[in-house]
Structure formats: structure tokens, C-alpha cells
């Protein structure tokens, strides 16, 4: 049975996730969400996405719900279109995962990620024994073409920022994914000189040695072209990372810090608060405390960040991975919106991104290790003992976080310490204890 992870359902296409699963998910979504109009459907560029999008349309059609297919598009474009039409949206994508994985993200009629209650209702509906029969994909679904939606989305994104980027030279890595469908328009609308790389998807090259999972690629391009900075999107363009003119990574924590401080300076940081997840670097917390900015921490997942932002009317939050949310500008993490907000600060301040990042925060060395979750179960007692020993060794000068991934079958170990060597040593010890 399908289960929702950190961000929708996800698995290896045609093995862990089948077209029939997608059809049944659409049927369940129609029952739980009761769409008042056509469901907005988009997809990324992986080999299986076109068939999975057709499966979504077939599933909705089988229960009398029509769809509006906007084709290859960023995930936030689906969310934006859903909110505008006040109807649910569904995006076929496995985000930053390799091409052979796929998944579905479902959006509410407000354009937001589904909360836990609705996800539980969907899972319950999927588990019922009286589910409808699965139609064949050969049956023509009730769908219409929504290609014009992308152009409207491009224009709407461009309007989220107001700056003169004339003279800025930026290299953008589209990760052979959804970003390629809307670039370079939103950036060029502000006078930015843009060079787009990795924008020729072939179904199997999405995220392959490029994009936000491999920022070294755009860093090398920035260096070769003597550009001012680089931007790297993930496969469905809901997250973005940056590199400065030297090729140094500017991650989501630093982007949030830069934007939060800018908003604080201009009186646009309600509650003097930002929202981040448990993965956020300890250096971020220290920097915000020094500036008198409150930090609220949520579990991993941008939907948790969104819920916290909405509950209190705060202005910015996100994840280290580059999922950044500006609730007044978008209903979910939007890499294109985030890129424009960052470029606006760079252009207004007239400073290199490297200086802005250094001014905003000092990162503590952070190490991430993954331990594969195989057939054997984790010895919880041993895990807790290993973490306790690591925390005792670090004291107040670091921290350890161990959590199961919401998108992959791995256990993630994150260690922060005063030096990279100490962080690596502690992470290796914890991983070894788990593996034993």
C-alpha cells in the first residue's frame, strides 16, 4: 500500500511505484479532496513521468473528475495554478532523486502541501477493500491542455521581485529538469545576464551530476565564465542552492539568513522570527540570536515549515537543502522565487554574494552520513547509546541528529562540531555502531 513520506509518495518506478498505484491514488484524492474543478497536473522530465501523469488523469477521469495538464513544469507552478483555480493539484516527480525513481506530490485547493490529517485519510481510503476497479490507460481521460499556464506562471514569478539586475552575470543549472521549462525568463525580466546549463533533458539525465545535488557543476561553470554567482535547481525546481563568484557553496541556511536579515533591516520580518528544520546548521541559530531574531524549529519537510509560517503569519522559512518559503509570494517552496529574492538582495546591496553570506552567518562544520536500511532492523538500544556517547564528547560545542530519511531507505546521521575532523570522526563512530 502507498505510504506518504516527507514529501508525497515516492519509489522506484515500475517496481515500488506502478501506474496502477498512481491511478488508485488519484481515485482516493478525488474522494478525499472533492475537487470543485479540473485537477492541475504537471510532471518533471524523467522517463516514467509522462506515463505516470497519464495514470493520474485516468484515475481522476474514472471517478468523473477532469484534469488540466500543464505538461513539464516546476512543482511550484502546479501549486501556483492550483491556488489560483482553487482546485487540487498533482505533480509527478521524485524531486532530487535519480531518474529511475518517481513519485507524486498532491496539493490542496489552497496550493499547499497536504497536512497529516488529510494524508492519513488518503492512506485509509487507499487501504479499503471496496476500492474502485483500475481503468486501463488506453481509456481517454477527461483532460485539457494547460500549456498557457506556464507562461502565466513565469510572469507571476517575475513579479515577486523588484530590482535592476543589469550587470549581474549568473550561471543557472537547470538539472535537466523542470526548471528548463521556465528559464531564463523570470531572471531576464530584471535585466540579469543569464546562461543556462544542463537544460537538455532526455528522460535519464535529470539530476545526474548536475543541479542542487551536485553544486560543484555550476561552481565550475561560474569559475570558467567569470560570472558573479551561480544558481542550481533540483529536478522539479522547488529548491535552489547558490554558489558565489569563487565557486563556494551558499546553501539554504545561508540564503534564509541573508533574506531574513534583509527583511529585518527593512521592517518586513513579522514577529522577528524565521522558521527552519532540525537539520539547520548551528551557526545559523547563533547568527540569528546575535541579531535578535527568533528561530522556530520544525521536523524535516517543507510542509512543516509552511504550517508554522501560516499559523503565526511569519515571512520566511525553509530548509538547508534549498527549500525556502516566502508565504506572501508563494504557497510552497519555489526555487525560482527564492533565486529572485536572493538576487534582489545582491543587486540592492551592491555586494558580492560571498560577502553577504559571510556577513549573514558562519557555518559550523557539518558532516552527513547515510546508513542503508536493509533487511536487518536497527538495534535501537545501541543507536541511542552511540548517540549519547557522541553528544557527551561534543558537549555544548556541537550536536548529533539521527533520523530516517523520508525519501530514501536510509538512516541519516548529521554531526556538527568545531572542526571538520571532529565532526567526521563522530559521524563515523555513530555509523559504525549502527552497522555493528
Protein backbone atom coordinates (compact mmCIF):
# COMPACT_ATOMS: atom_id res chain seq x y z
CA UNK A 1 0.00 0.00 0.00
CA UNK A 2 1.19 3.51 -0.75
CA UNK A 3 2.52 5.49 2.20
CA UNK A 4 3.28 9.19 2.34
CA UNK A 5 6.84 10.17 3.20
CA UNK A 6 8.39 13.57 3.84
CA UNK A 7 7.08 14.88 0.53
CA UNK A 8 4.31 12.81 -1.07
CA UNK A 9 4.69 9.22 -2.26
CA UNK A 10 7.90 8.07 -3.88
CA UNK A 11 9.66 4.90 -5.02
CA UNK A 12 11.44 3.16 -7.86
CA UNK A 13 9.28 3.49 -10.98
CA UNK A 14 7.64 0.26 -12.18
CA UNK A 15 8.97 -1.65 -9.17
CA UNK A 16 7.93 0.12 -5.97
CA UNK A 17 5.54 2.51 -7.72
CA UNK A 18 3.29 1.31 -10.55
CA UNK A 19 0.89 3.13 -12.88
CA UNK A 20 -1.98 1.27 -11.16
CA UNK A 21 -0.82 2.73 -7.83
CA UNK A 22 -0.98 6.20 -9.34
CA UNK A 23 -4.48 5.58 -10.69
CA UNK A 24 -5.68 4.45 -7.27
CA UNK A 25 -4.01 7.44 -5.62
CA UNK A 26 -5.91 9.75 -7.98
CA UNK A 27 -9.18 8.00 -7.17
CA UNK A 28 -8.52 8.35 -3.44
CA UNK A 29 -7.54 12.01 -3.83
CA UNK A 30 -10.78 12.69 -5.70
CA UNK A 31 -12.77 11.12 -2.87
CA UNK A 32 -10.94 12.87 -0.03
CA UNK A 33 -10.40 16.30 -1.63
CA UNK A 34 -13.63 16.51 -3.68
CA UNK A 35 -12.16 18.75 -6.43
CA UNK A 36 -14.51 21.60 -7.37
CA UNK A 37 -12.90 21.87 -10.80
CA UNK A 38 -10.25 20.27 -13.02
CA UNK A 39 -7.23 18.99 -11.07
CA UNK A 40 -3.98 20.65 -12.18
CA UNK A 41 -1.45 18.01 -13.29
CA UNK A 42 2.24 18.62 -14.02
CA UNK A 43 5.33 16.47 -14.33
CA UNK A 44 9.12 16.58 -14.42
CA UNK A 45 11.37 15.23 -17.16
CA UNK A 46 12.11 11.67 -16.05
CA UNK A 47 11.41 8.77 -18.37
CA UNK A 48 8.38 7.50 -16.46
CA UNK A 49 6.74 10.85 -15.77
CA UNK A 50 4.60 11.10 -18.92
CA UNK A 51 3.01 7.69 -18.29
CA UNK A 52 2.52 8.42 -14.60
CA UNK A 53 0.86 11.75 -15.45
CA UNK A 54 -1.45 9.86 -17.83
CA UNK A 55 -2.22 7.44 -14.99
CA UNK A 56 -3.20 10.36 -12.77
CA UNK A 57 -5.52 11.69 -15.46
CA UNK A 58 -7.04 8.24 -15.97
CA UNK A 59 -7.61 7.79 -12.26
CA UNK A 60 -9.34 11.12 -11.86
CA UNK A 61 -11.36 10.60 -15.03
CA UNK A 62 -12.57 7.20 -13.83
CA UNK A 63 -14.40 8.90 -10.96
CA UNK A 64 -15.72 11.79 -13.03
CA UNK A 65 -13.02 14.37 -12.32
CA UNK A 66 -11.34 16.18 -15.20
CA UNK A 67 -7.72 17.37 -15.25
CA UNK A 68 -5.79 20.30 -16.68
CA UNK A 69 -2.41 19.06 -17.93
CA UNK A 70 0.27 21.75 -17.86
CA UNK A 71 2.99 19.36 -19.07
CA UNK A 72 6.60 19.58 -17.91
CA UNK A 73 6.60 22.23 -15.20
CA UNK A 74 8.14 23.10 -11.84
CA UNK A 75 6.34 21.70 -8.83
CA UNK A 76 5.62 25.23 -7.55
CA UNK A 77 3.94 26.04 -10.88
CA UNK A 78 1.41 23.28 -10.14
CA UNK A 79 0.91 24.68 -6.63
CA UNK A 80 0.50 28.22 -8.01
CA UNK A 81 -2.03 27.11 -10.63
CA UNK A 82 -3.96 25.07 -8.06
CA UNK A 83 -4.22 28.03 -5.68
CA UNK A 84 -5.28 30.37 -8.48
CA UNK A 85 -8.04 28.00 -9.61
CA UNK A 86 -8.95 26.92 -6.02
CA UNK A 87 -8.68 23.27 -7.00
CA UNK A 88 -6.24 20.48 -6.07
CA UNK A 89 -3.00 19.88 -7.96
CA UNK A 90 -0.84 16.81 -8.53
CA UNK A 91 2.81 16.79 -9.56
CA UNK A 92 4.62 13.74 -10.89
CA UNK A 93 8.20 13.98 -9.65
CA UNK A 94 10.80 12.38 -7.41
CA UNK A 95 12.45 15.77 -6.88
CA UNK A 96 16.22 15.36 -6.38
CA UNK A 97 16.19 11.54 -6.69
CA UNK A 98 17.76 9.69 -9.67
CA UNK A 99 15.84 9.27 -12.93
CA UNK A 100 14.68 5.73 -12.13
CA UNK A 101 12.64 6.90 -9.12
CA UNK A 102 9.36 8.74 -9.34
CA UNK A 103 6.56 9.96 -7.13
CA UNK A 104 3.51 12.16 -6.74
CA UNK A 105 3.08 15.33 -4.70
CA UNK A 106 -0.50 16.43 -4.11
CA UNK A 107 -1.55 19.99 -3.34
CA UNK A 108 -4.67 21.27 -1.64
CA UNK A 109 -7.05 23.75 -3.34
CA UNK A 110 -5.10 26.44 -1.46
CA UNK A 111 -1.89 25.37 -3.20
CA UNK A 112 -0.28 23.94 -0.08
CA UNK A 113 1.15 20.54 0.82
CA UNK A 114 -1.34 18.19 2.45
CA UNK A 115 -1.39 18.10 6.24
CA UNK A 116 -1.05 14.91 8.28
CA UNK A 117 -4.81 14.52 8.73
CA UNK A 118 -5.53 14.56 5.00
CA UNK A 119 -2.59 12.27 4.25
CA UNK A 120 -3.91 9.79 6.81
CA UNK A 121 -7.35 9.99 5.21
CA UNK A 122 -5.80 9.25 1.81
CA UNK A 123 -3.89 6.27 3.15
CA UNK A 124 -7.05 4.99 4.82
CA UNK A 125 -9.00 5.33 1.58
CA UNK A 126 -6.28 3.51 -0.35
CA UNK A 127 -6.35 0.62 2.12
CA UNK A 128 -10.08 -0.03 1.84
CA UNK A 129 -11.19 -3.31 0.29
CA UNK A 130 -14.01 -1.69 -1.71
CA UNK A 131 -11.78 0.42 -3.95
CA UNK A 132 -12.93 1.09 -7.47
CA UNK A 133 -11.61 -1.05 -10.33
CA UNK A 134 -8.49 0.29 -12.01
CA UNK A 135 -9.20 1.56 -15.55
CA UNK A 136 -6.81 0.83 -18.39
CA UNK A 137 -4.54 3.63 -19.52
CA UNK A 138 -5.92 3.18 -23.02
CA UNK A 139 -9.18 4.82 -21.98
CA UNK A 140 -9.10 8.50 -22.94
CA UNK A 141 -9.03 10.58 -19.76
CA UNK A 142 -11.02 13.76 -19.34
CA UNK A 143 -8.16 16.21 -19.61
CA UNK A 144 -7.42 19.51 -21.29
CA UNK A 145 -4.23 21.26 -22.32
CA UNK A 146 -2.95 23.90 -19.95
CA UNK A 147 0.29 24.86 -21.69
CA UNK A 148 -0.50 28.57 -21.40
CA UNK A 149 -0.38 28.25 -17.61
CA UNK A 150 3.43 28.07 -17.71
CA UNK A 151 3.76 31.46 -19.36
CA UNK A 152 1.41 32.96 -16.80
CA UNK A 153 3.47 31.36 -14.04
CA UNK A 154 6.69 32.80 -15.50
CA UNK A 155 5.21 36.28 -15.43
CA UNK A 156 3.82 35.85 -11.92
CA UNK A 157 7.21 34.68 -10.61
CA UNK A 158 9.00 37.60 -12.24
CA UNK A 159 6.64 40.00 -10.42
CA UNK A 160 7.63 38.63 -7.00
CA UNK A 161 10.81 40.72 -7.09
CA UNK A 162 11.57 44.34 -7.98
CA UNK A 163 15.19 45.15 -8.76
CA UNK A 164 17.54 46.17 -11.54
CA UNK A 165 19.89 43.28 -12.20
CA UNK A 166 21.65 44.94 -15.12
CA UNK A 167 25.31 43.95 -14.96
CA UNK A 168 24.75 40.79 -12.94
CA UNK A 169 26.10 37.71 -14.71
CA UNK A 170 24.55 34.48 -13.47
CA UNK A 171 25.01 30.84 -14.49
CA UNK A 172 21.93 28.71 -13.84
CA UNK A 173 21.96 24.90 -13.66
CA UNK A 174 18.53 23.51 -14.61
CA UNK A 175 19.45 19.92 -13.60
CA UNK A 176 17.95 18.69 -16.90
CA UNK A 177 14.65 19.01 -15.06
CA UNK A 178 11.56 21.15 -14.71
CA UNK A 179 13.42 24.44 -14.38
CA UNK A 180 14.33 24.15 -18.07
CA UNK A 181 10.65 24.74 -18.90
CA UNK A 182 10.62 28.29 -17.49
CA UNK A 183 14.20 29.55 -17.66
CA UNK A 184 15.65 32.08 -18.29
CA UNK A 185 12.62 34.40 -18.49
CA UNK A 186 11.97 35.30 -14.82
CA UNK A 187 15.61 36.34 -14.30
CA UNK A 188 15.98 38.14 -17.63
CA UNK A 189 12.89 40.19 -16.80
CA UNK A 190 15.08 42.03 -14.28
CA UNK A 191 17.98 42.61 -16.63
CA UNK A 192 20.13 39.74 -15.36
CA UNK A 193 22.54 38.24 -17.89
CA UNK A 194 21.74 34.54 -17.70
CA UNK A 195 23.49 31.47 -19.04
CA UNK A 196 21.54 28.26 -18.54
CA UNK A 197 23.38 24.94 -18.39
CA UNK A 198 22.07 21.37 -18.16
CA UNK A 199 18.74 22.18 -19.80
CA UNK A 200 18.51 19.32 -22.33
CA UNK A 201 16.53 16.56 -20.59
CA UNK A 202 16.49 13.10 -22.17
CA UNK A 203 14.49 11.24 -19.52
CA UNK A 204 17.52 9.77 -17.76
CA UNK A 205 19.84 12.70 -17.11
CA UNK A 206 17.69 14.56 -14.56
CA UNK A 207 19.86 15.39 -11.51
CA UNK A 208 22.73 13.36 -12.97
CA UNK A 209 25.95 15.05 -11.85
CA UNK A 210 24.21 18.41 -12.01
CA UNK A 211 21.72 20.63 -10.21
CA UNK A 212 21.42 21.18 -6.47
CA UNK A 213 22.70 17.68 -5.62
CA UNK A 214 25.94 18.45 -7.46
CA UNK A 215 26.58 22.20 -7.00
CA UNK A 216 30.21 21.69 -8.00
CA UNK A 217 28.99 21.60 -11.60
CA UNK A 218 27.60 25.13 -11.58
CA UNK A 219 30.59 26.24 -9.46
CA UNK A 220 32.96 25.13 -12.21
CA UNK A 221 30.86 26.94 -14.83
CA UNK A 222 30.85 30.15 -12.76
CA UNK A 223 34.64 29.98 -12.48
CA UNK A 224 35.14 29.35 -16.21
CA UNK A 225 32.84 32.20 -17.23
CA UNK A 226 33.94 34.65 -14.50
CA UNK A 227 30.27 35.06 -13.52
CA UNK A 228 29.07 36.85 -10.39
CA UNK A 229 27.30 33.81 -8.99
CA UNK A 230 25.56 30.57 -9.86
CA UNK A 231 22.18 29.01 -9.10
CA UNK A 232 21.47 25.27 -9.04
CA UNK A 233 17.91 23.90 -9.09
CA UNK A 234 16.78 20.38 -8.29
CA UNK A 235 14.80 18.18 -10.66
CA UNK A 236 11.41 19.76 -10.02
CA UNK A 237 12.67 23.29 -9.30
CA UNK A 238 11.16 23.70 -5.84
CA UNK A 239 14.58 24.18 -4.30
CA UNK A 240 17.69 26.14 -5.24
CA UNK A 241 21.24 26.46 -3.96
CA UNK A 242 23.75 29.14 -4.91
CA UNK A 243 27.49 29.48 -5.36
CA UNK A 244 29.46 32.71 -5.11
CA UNK A 245 31.94 34.02 -7.68
CA UNK A 246 34.68 31.81 -6.22
CA UNK A 247 32.55 28.69 -6.51
CA UNK A 248 31.88 28.46 -2.77
CA UNK A 249 28.50 26.93 -1.90
CA UNK A 250 25.80 29.15 -0.41
CA UNK A 251 23.22 26.71 0.95
CA UNK A 252 19.63 27.08 2.07
CA UNK A 253 20.60 28.09 5.61
CA UNK A 254 22.70 30.95 4.28
CA UNK A 255 20.06 32.02 1.76
CA UNK A 256 17.44 32.14 4.53
CA UNK A 257 19.85 34.10 6.76
CA UNK A 258 20.60 36.64 4.02
CA UNK A 259 16.91 37.16 3.24
CA UNK A 260 15.84 37.25 6.90
CA UNK A 261 18.41 39.89 7.80
CA UNK A 262 17.43 41.97 4.78
CA UNK A 263 13.77 41.80 5.77
CA UNK A 264 14.59 42.65 9.37
CA UNK A 265 16.51 45.71 8.19
CA UNK A 266 13.54 46.88 6.13
CA UNK A 267 10.93 46.12 8.78
CA UNK A 268 9.47 43.19 6.83
CA UNK A 269 10.10 40.34 9.27
CA UNK A 270 6.85 39.85 11.24
CA UNK A 271 7.39 38.62 14.76
CA UNK A 272 11.13 38.98 14.17
CA UNK A 273 11.03 35.22 13.57
CA UNK A 274 12.21 32.70 10.98
CA UNK A 275 11.27 29.02 10.68
CA UNK A 276 13.78 26.25 9.96
CA UNK A 277 14.06 22.48 10.47
CA UNK A 278 16.13 20.33 12.79
CA UNK A 279 18.76 19.98 10.04
CA UNK A 280 19.62 23.69 10.08
CA UNK A 281 23.23 24.46 10.91
CA UNK A 282 24.02 25.50 14.48
CA UNK A 283 25.84 28.51 13.03
CA UNK A 284 22.50 29.79 11.73
CA UNK A 285 20.98 29.68 15.21
CA UNK A 286 23.96 31.53 16.68
CA UNK A 287 23.85 34.21 13.96
CA UNK A 288 20.13 34.83 14.38
CA UNK A 289 20.46 35.04 18.16
CA UNK A 290 23.17 37.69 17.77
CA UNK A 291 20.78 39.74 15.58
CA UNK A 292 17.83 39.34 17.93
CA UNK A 293 15.89 37.12 15.51
CA UNK A 294 13.84 34.28 16.95
CA UNK A 295 14.15 30.83 15.37
CA UNK A 296 11.36 28.27 15.38
CA UNK A 297 12.42 24.70 14.57
CA UNK A 298 10.20 22.08 12.91
CA UNK A 299 10.66 18.48 11.76
CA UNK A 300 12.25 17.93 8.33
CA UNK A 301 9.91 18.70 5.43
CA UNK A 302 8.86 21.98 3.91
CA UNK A 303 5.20 21.27 4.66
CA UNK A 304 6.04 21.53 8.37
CA UNK A 305 7.80 24.83 7.74
CA UNK A 306 4.79 26.07 5.78
CA UNK A 307 2.37 25.11 8.57
CA UNK A 308 4.42 27.03 11.14
CA UNK A 309 4.69 30.09 8.90
CA UNK A 310 0.95 30.09 8.22
CA UNK A 311 -0.02 29.59 11.85
CA UNK A 312 1.76 32.75 13.00
CA UNK A 313 1.93 34.94 9.90
CA UNK A 314 5.73 34.87 9.65
CA UNK A 315 7.54 35.85 6.46
CA UNK A 316 10.34 33.41 5.67
CA UNK A 317 11.48 29.90 6.47
CA UNK A 318 12.90 26.80 4.89
CA UNK A 319 15.45 24.06 4.79
CA UNK A 320 19.19 23.74 4.37
CA UNK A 321 18.53 21.82 1.14
CA UNK A 322 17.28 24.99 -0.55
CA UNK A 323 13.54 24.64 0.03
CA UNK A 324 12.77 28.23 1.03
CA UNK A 325 9.24 29.58 1.53
CA UNK A 326 8.05 33.16 1.33
CA UNK A 327 4.33 32.85 2.21
CA UNK A 328 3.41 36.26 0.82
CA UNK A 329 4.88 35.25 -2.55
CA UNK A 330 4.22 31.51 -2.93
CA UNK A 331 2.26 28.70 -1.28
CA UNK A 332 5.18 26.29 -1.24
CA UNK A 333 8.94 26.19 -1.68
CA UNK A 334 9.72 27.76 -5.05
CA UNK A 335 13.30 27.72 -6.32
CA UNK A 336 12.64 30.43 -8.90
CA UNK A 337 11.06 32.79 -6.33
CA UNK A 338 13.92 32.11 -3.92
CA UNK A 339 16.51 32.84 -6.63
CA UNK A 340 14.87 36.19 -7.37
CA UNK A 341 14.69 37.14 -3.68
CA UNK A 342 18.39 36.39 -3.30
CA UNK A 343 19.31 38.29 -6.45
CA UNK A 344 17.25 41.25 -5.26
CA UNK A 345 19.36 41.50 -2.08
CA UNK A 346 22.59 41.14 -4.08
CA UNK A 347 21.54 43.87 -6.52
CA UNK A 348 20.24 46.25 -3.85
CA UNK A 349 23.25 45.89 -1.57
CA UNK A 350 25.74 46.02 -4.42
CA UNK A 351 27.91 43.44 -2.66
CA UNK A 352 29.22 40.09 -3.90
CA UNK A 353 27.22 37.09 -2.69
CA UNK A 354 30.37 35.89 -0.90
CA UNK A 355 30.35 38.97 1.35
CA UNK A 356 26.62 38.76 2.02
CA UNK A 357 26.90 35.10 3.03
CA UNK A 358 29.85 35.77 5.35
CA UNK A 359 28.03 38.71 6.89
CA UNK A 360 24.88 36.66 7.49
CA UNK A 361 26.32 33.66 9.33
CA UNK A 362 29.33 31.48 10.00
CA UNK A 363 28.65 27.82 9.31
CA UNK A 364 29.80 25.22 11.76
CA UNK A 365 31.44 22.20 10.14
CA UNK A 366 28.68 19.71 9.39
CA UNK A 367 29.01 16.10 8.24
CA UNK A 368 26.23 13.94 6.81
CA UNK A 369 26.44 10.14 6.60
CA UNK A 370 23.80 7.70 5.34
CA UNK A 371 23.40 4.18 6.67
CA UNK A 372 21.44 1.90 4.34
CA UNK A 373 18.37 0.32 5.89
CA UNK A 374 18.48 -3.28 4.70
CA UNK A 375 16.53 -6.33 5.85
CA UNK A 376 18.01 -6.18 9.35
CA UNK A 377 16.35 -3.92 11.90
CA UNK A 378 18.28 -1.22 13.73
CA UNK A 379 19.27 -2.03 17.32
CA UNK A 380 17.61 0.96 18.99
CA UNK A 381 19.47 0.49 22.29
CA UNK A 382 22.83 0.50 20.51
CA UNK A 383 21.81 3.53 18.43
CA UNK A 384 20.76 5.54 21.49
CA UNK A 385 23.95 4.60 23.32
CA UNK A 386 26.10 5.66 20.34
CA UNK A 387 24.29 9.00 20.05
CA UNK A 388 24.57 9.63 23.81
CA UNK A 389 28.31 8.93 23.72
CA UNK A 390 28.76 11.27 20.75
CA UNK A 391 26.79 14.08 22.39
CA UNK A 392 28.83 13.70 25.57
CA UNK A 393 32.05 14.01 23.57
CA UNK A 394 30.84 17.16 21.80
CA UNK A 395 29.28 18.85 24.82
CA UNK A 396 27.84 22.29 24.06
CA UNK A 397 30.14 22.74 21.05
CA UNK A 398 28.26 20.51 18.65
CA UNK A 399 25.30 18.24 18.16
CA UNK A 400 24.21 14.90 16.70
CA UNK A 401 20.99 14.18 14.83
CA UNK A 402 19.96 10.73 13.57
CA UNK A 403 16.74 10.30 11.63
CA UNK A 404 15.22 8.05 8.97
CA UNK A 405 15.03 9.64 5.53
CA UNK A 406 11.55 10.45 4.29
CA UNK A 407 12.53 9.89 0.65
CA UNK A 408 15.10 7.06 0.64
CA UNK A 409 15.63 3.78 2.59
CA UNK A 410 18.49 5.17 4.67
CA UNK A 411 19.18 6.43 8.16
CA UNK A 412 20.71 9.91 8.08
CA UNK A 413 23.42 10.87 10.57
CA UNK A 414 24.22 14.56 10.92
CA UNK A 415 27.05 15.78 13.16
CA UNK A 416 28.16 19.36 13.79
CA UNK A 417 31.37 20.20 15.64
CA UNK A 418 34.01 22.90 15.99
CA UNK A 419 36.25 21.24 13.38
CA UNK A 420 35.54 19.15 10.26
CA UNK A 421 37.84 16.40 11.57
CA UNK A 422 35.94 16.05 14.83
CA UNK A 423 32.55 16.09 13.05
CA UNK A 424 33.70 13.38 10.63
CA UNK A 425 35.17 11.26 13.41
CA UNK A 426 31.98 11.37 15.48
CA UNK A 427 29.78 10.61 12.45
CA UNK A 428 31.93 7.61 11.53
CA UNK A 429 31.72 6.29 15.09
CA UNK A 430 27.92 6.57 15.17
CA UNK A 431 27.59 4.93 11.73
CA UNK A 432 29.92 2.10 12.79
CA UNK A 433 27.92 1.48 15.96
CA UNK A 434 24.71 1.23 13.91
CA UNK A 435 26.29 -1.08 11.33
CA UNK A 436 27.58 -3.42 14.03
